Amino acid sequence: MKTRLLTNRQMVVLRFRLEGMSQVDIACLFGTSPQNIMEIEHRAWKNIELAINTMISYYTLDARFLCTLKEGSDLFDSAALIFEEGKRIGIPVTLGAVDLINRLQKENPYRISGQLIRKDIDVYLRDDGDIYSG
């Protein structure tokens, strides 16, 4: 039975890349081409995205879609949008602004850089006012 989406080789390549190694250096260690390492890394990130999307589906089963934070927008402006949309549908967001921004950053580390939203983020609101994003 498969217990994870990443192969051992994908995990090793990602670990080396996170440590700052180049694909060329990793290819030399493995005795393969940089193109092969690039493909291993690409497939690993695709598997990670699949896992993230699966978790988003699970966590939002009991939530309603609230809004999309658009690529290129400012994170701090996005917090105001979330509060406005929650108010508009009659469910106030229970988090304060700082906690909301921290939650968005924690749940979307690869979609946010500093204050910049690098990739669209869908935000969901539960009836109790808690949010989930991804």
C-alpha atoms as a PDB file:
ATOM      1  CA  MET A   1       0.000   0.000   0.000  1.00  0.00           C
ATOM      2  CA  LYS A   2       1.325   3.396  -0.991  1.00  0.00           C
ATOM      3  CA  THR A   3       1.714   5.644   2.061  1.00  0.00           C
ATOM      4  CA  ARG A   4       2.968   8.859   0.445  1.00  0.00           C
ATOM      5  CA  LEU A   5       2.975  10.687  -2.871  1.00  0.00           C
ATOM      6  CA  LEU A   6       6.726  11.342  -3.086  1.00  0.00           C
ATOM      7  CA  THR A   7       9.322   8.748  -4.022  1.00  0.00           C
ATOM      8  CA  ASN A   8      12.542   8.475  -2.022  1.00  0.00           C
ATOM      9  CA  ARG A   9      14.452  10.024  -4.928  1.00  0.00           C
ATOM     10  CA  GLN A  10      12.013  12.952  -5.133  1.00  0.00           C
ATOM     11  CA  MET A  11      12.413  13.579  -1.403  1.00  0.00           C
ATOM     12  CA  VAL A  12      16.203  13.527  -1.647  1.00  0.00           C
ATOM     13  CA  VAL A  13      16.203  15.886  -4.638  1.00  0.00           C
ATOM     14  CA  LEU A  14      13.847  18.315  -2.877  1.00  0.00           C
ATOM     15  CA  ARG A  15      15.948  18.165   0.292  1.00  0.00           C
ATOM     16  CA  PHE A  16      19.109  19.001  -1.660  1.00  0.00           C
ATOM     17  CA  ARG A  17      17.339  21.789  -3.567  1.00  0.00           C
ATOM     18  CA  LEU A  18      16.019  23.294  -0.311  1.00  0.00           C
ATOM     19  CA  GLU A  19      19.606  23.242   0.965  1.00  0.00           C
ATOM     20  CA  GLY A  20      20.613  25.326  -2.060  1.00  0.00           C
ATOM     21  CA  MET A  21      22.181  22.722  -4.323  1.00  0.00           C
ATOM     22  CA  SER A  22      21.825  23.181  -8.072  1.00  0.00           C
ATOM     23  CA  GLN A  23      20.272  20.592 -10.327  1.00  0.00           C
ATOM     24  CA  VAL A  24      23.680  20.147 -11.974  1.00  0.00           C
ATOM     25  CA  ASP A  25      25.330  19.355  -8.612  1.00  0.00           C
ATOM     26  CA  ILE A  26      22.590  16.880  -7.704  1.00  0.00           C
ATOM     27  CA  ALA A  27      22.879  15.236 -11.137  1.00  0.00           C
ATOM     28  CA  CYS A  28      26.619  14.719 -10.547  1.00  0.00           C
ATOM     29  CA  LEU A  29      25.902  13.074  -7.187  1.00  0.00           C
ATOM     30  CA  PHE A  30      23.352  10.719  -8.757  1.00  0.00           C
ATOM     31  CA  GLY A  31      25.325  10.103 -11.944  1.00  0.00           C
ATOM     32  CA  THR A  32      22.519  11.343 -14.171  1.00  0.00           C
ATOM     33  CA  SER A  33      21.659  14.374 -16.279  1.00  0.00           C
ATOM     34  CA  PRO A  34      20.471  17.751 -14.968  1.00  0.00           C
ATOM     35  CA  GLN A  35      17.382  17.282 -17.177  1.00  0.00           C
ATOM     36  CA  ASN A  36      16.528  14.097 -15.273  1.00  0.00           C
ATOM     37  CA  ILE A  37      16.872  15.913 -11.928  1.00  0.00           C
ATOM     38  CA  MET A  38      14.710  18.730 -13.296  1.00  0.00           C
ATOM     39  CA  GLU A  39      12.000  16.185 -14.216  1.00  0.00           C
ATOM     40  CA  ILE A  40      12.209  14.478 -10.798  1.00  0.00           C
ATOM     41  CA  GLU A  41      11.843  17.835  -9.068  1.00  0.00           C
ATOM     42  CA  HIS A  42       8.980  18.879 -11.366  1.00  0.00           C
ATOM     43  CA  ARG A  43       7.058  15.657 -10.667  1.00  0.00           C
ATOM     44  CA  ALA A  44       7.675  16.047  -6.931  1.00  0.00           C
ATOM     45  CA  TRP A  45       6.151  19.542  -6.937  1.00  0.00           C
ATOM     46  CA  LYS A  46       3.181  18.275  -8.975  1.00  0.00           C
ATOM     47  CA  ASN A  47       2.616  15.545  -6.361  1.00  0.00           C
ATOM     48  CA  ILE A  48       2.851  18.088  -3.559  1.00  0.00           C
ATOM     49  CA  GLU A  49       0.309  20.303  -5.320  1.00  0.00           C
ATOM     50  CA  LEU A  50      -2.018  17.298  -5.673  1.00  0.00           C
ATOM     51  CA  ALA A  51      -1.689  16.562  -1.942  1.00  0.00           C
ATOM     52  CA  ILE A  52      -2.368  20.199  -1.042  1.00  0.00           C
ATOM     53  CA  ASN A  53      -5.435  20.325  -3.281  1.00  0.00           C
ATOM     54  CA  THR A  54      -6.725  17.115  -1.694  1.00  0.00           C
ATOM     55  CA  MET A  55      -6.339  18.595   1.792  1.00  0.00           C
ATOM     56  CA  ILE A  56      -8.089  21.792   0.689  1.00  0.00           C
ATOM     57  CA  SER A  57     -11.002  19.705  -0.559  1.00  0.00           C
ATOM     58  CA  TYR A  58     -11.185  17.883   2.760  1.00  0.00           C
ATOM     59  CA  TYR A  59     -10.925  20.976   4.971  1.00  0.00           C
ATOM     60  CA  THR A  60     -13.508  22.889   2.974  1.00  0.00           C
ATOM     61  CA  LEU A  61     -16.216  20.204   3.021  1.00  0.00           C
ATOM     62  CA  ASP A  62     -18.064  22.154   5.723  1.00  0.00           C
ATOM     63  CA  ALA A  63     -17.212  25.632   4.425  1.00  0.00           C
ATOM     64  CA  ARG A  64     -18.474  27.924   1.704  1.00  0.00           C
ATOM     65  CA  PHE A  65     -16.389  29.687  -0.908  1.00  0.00           C
ATOM     66  CA  LEU A  66     -15.824  33.297   0.145  1.00  0.00           C
ATOM     67  CA  CYS A  67     -13.468  34.928  -2.361  1.00  0.00           C
ATOM     68  CA  THR A  68     -10.283  34.575  -4.383  1.00  0.00           C
ATOM     69  CA  LEU A  69      -7.206  36.574  -3.472  1.00  0.00           C
ATOM     70  CA  LYS A  70      -5.770  37.427  -6.880  1.00  0.00           C
ATOM     71  CA  GLU A  71      -2.197  36.942  -7.987  1.00  0.00           C
ATOM     72  CA  GLY A  72      -0.302  40.231  -7.745  1.00  0.00           C
ATOM     73  CA  SER A  73      -2.484  41.677  -4.992  1.00  0.00           C
ATOM     74  CA  ASP A  74      -1.293  42.895  -1.617  1.00  0.00           C
ATOM     75  CA  LEU A  75      -1.728  40.541   1.343  1.00  0.00           C
ATOM     76  CA  PHE A  76      -2.782  43.343   3.695  1.00  0.00           C
ATOM     77  CA  ASP A  77      -5.474  44.570   1.263  1.00  0.00           C
ATOM     78  CA  SER A  78      -6.658  40.967   0.967  1.00  0.00           C
ATOM     79  CA  ALA A  79      -7.365  40.779   4.691  1.00  0.00           C
ATOM     80  CA  ALA A  80      -9.772  43.714   4.353  1.00  0.00           C
ATOM     81  CA  LEU A  81     -11.473  41.952   1.415  1.00  0.00           C
ATOM     82  CA  ILE A  82     -11.993  38.802   3.497  1.00  0.00           C
ATOM     83  CA  PHE A  83     -13.562  40.786   6.351  1.00  0.00           C
ATOM     84  CA  GLU A  84     -15.837  42.641   3.904  1.00  0.00           C
ATOM     85  CA  GLU A  85     -16.983  39.447   2.182  1.00  0.00           C
ATOM     86  CA  GLY A  86     -17.690  37.726   5.504  1.00  0.00           C
ATOM     87  CA  LYS A  87     -19.741  40.695   6.627  1.00  0.00           C
ATOM     88  CA  ARG A  88     -21.573  40.762   3.272  1.00  0.00           C
ATOM     89  CA  ILE A  89     -22.794  37.168   3.683  1.00  0.00           C
ATOM     90  CA  GLY A  90     -23.580  37.627   7.375  1.00  0.00           C
ATOM     91  CA  ILE A  91     -20.774  35.517   8.877  1.00  0.00           C
ATOM     92  CA  PRO A  92     -18.129  37.619  10.602  1.00  0.00           C
ATOM     93  CA  VAL A  93     -14.579  36.280  10.414  1.00  0.00           C
ATOM     94  CA  THR A  94     -13.502  35.319  13.939  1.00  0.00           C
ATOM     95  CA  LEU A  95      -9.788  36.044  13.473  1.00  0.00           C
ATOM     96  CA  GLY A  96      -8.285  39.481  13.945  1.00  0.00           C
ATOM     97  CA  ALA A  97      -6.327  41.064  11.094  1.00  0.00           C
ATOM     98  CA  VAL A  98      -2.881  39.961  12.306  1.00  0.00           C
ATOM     99  CA  ASP A  99      -4.012  36.395  12.983  1.00  0.00           C
ATOM    100  CA  LEU A 100      -5.762  36.278   9.614  1.00  0.00           C
ATOM    101  CA  ILE A 101      -2.620  37.371   7.752  1.00  0.00           C
ATOM    102  CA  ASN A 102      -0.509  34.894   9.732  1.00  0.00           C
ATOM    103  CA  ARG A 103      -2.963  32.082   8.887  1.00  0.00           C
ATOM    104  CA  LEU A 104      -2.904  32.973   5.187  1.00  0.00           C
ATOM    105  CA  GLN A 105       0.907  32.929   5.188  1.00  0.00           C
ATOM    106  CA  LYS A 106       1.055  29.618   7.071  1.00  0.00           C
ATOM    107  CA  GLU A 107      -1.478  27.877   4.816  1.00  0.00           C
ATOM    108  CA  ASN A 108       0.016  29.273   1.582  1.00  0.00           C
ATOM    109  CA  PRO A 109       3.803  29.487   1.940  1.00  0.00           C
ATOM    110  CA  TYR A 110       4.437  28.983  -1.783  1.00  0.00           C
ATOM    111  CA  ARG A 111       1.705  31.372  -2.891  1.00  0.00           C
ATOM    112  CA  ILE A 112       2.764  34.381  -0.810  1.00  0.00           C
ATOM    113  CA  SER A 113       6.076  36.213  -0.829  1.00  0.00           C
ATOM    114  CA  GLY A 114       6.305  39.019   1.732  1.00  0.00           C
ATOM    115  CA  GLN A 115       3.154  41.067   1.129  1.00  0.00           C
ATOM    116  CA  LEU A 116       2.744  39.868  -2.470  1.00  0.00           C
ATOM    117  CA  ILE A 117       0.297  37.150  -3.440  1.00  0.00           C
ATOM    118  CA  ARG A 118       2.186  35.203  -6.112  1.00  0.00           C
ATOM    119  CA  LYS A 119      -0.593  32.770  -7.043  1.00  0.00           C
ATOM    120  CA  ASP A 120      -4.394  32.957  -6.643  1.00  0.00           C
ATOM    121  CA  ILE A 121      -5.660  31.813  -3.230  1.00  0.00           C
ATOM    122  CA  ASP A 122      -9.244  30.670  -2.691  1.00  0.00           C
ATOM    123  CA  VAL A 123     -10.660  31.523   0.729  1.00  0.00           C
ATOM    124  CA  TYR A 124     -13.441  29.524   2.388  1.00  0.00           C
ATOM    125  CA  LEU A 125     -15.530  30.496   5.409  1.00  0.00           C
ATOM    126  CA  ARG A 126     -17.154  28.124   7.857  1.00  0.00           C
ATOM    127  CA  ASP A 127     -20.425  28.939   9.583  1.00  0.00           C
ATOM    128  CA  ASP A 128     -18.526  29.511  12.855  1.00  0.00           C
ATOM    129  CA  GLY A 129     -16.475  32.312  11.199  1.00  0.00           C
ATOM    130  CA  ASP A 130     -13.244  30.335  10.843  1.00  0.00           C
ATOM    131  CA  ILE A 131     -11.459  30.461   7.499  1.00  0.00           C
ATOM    132  CA  TYR A 132      -9.436  28.069   5.413  1.00  0.00           C
ATOM    133  CA  SER A 133      -7.445  28.999   2.342  1.00  0.00           C
ATOM    134  CA  GLY A 134      -5.508  27.331  -0.387  1.00  0.00           C
END
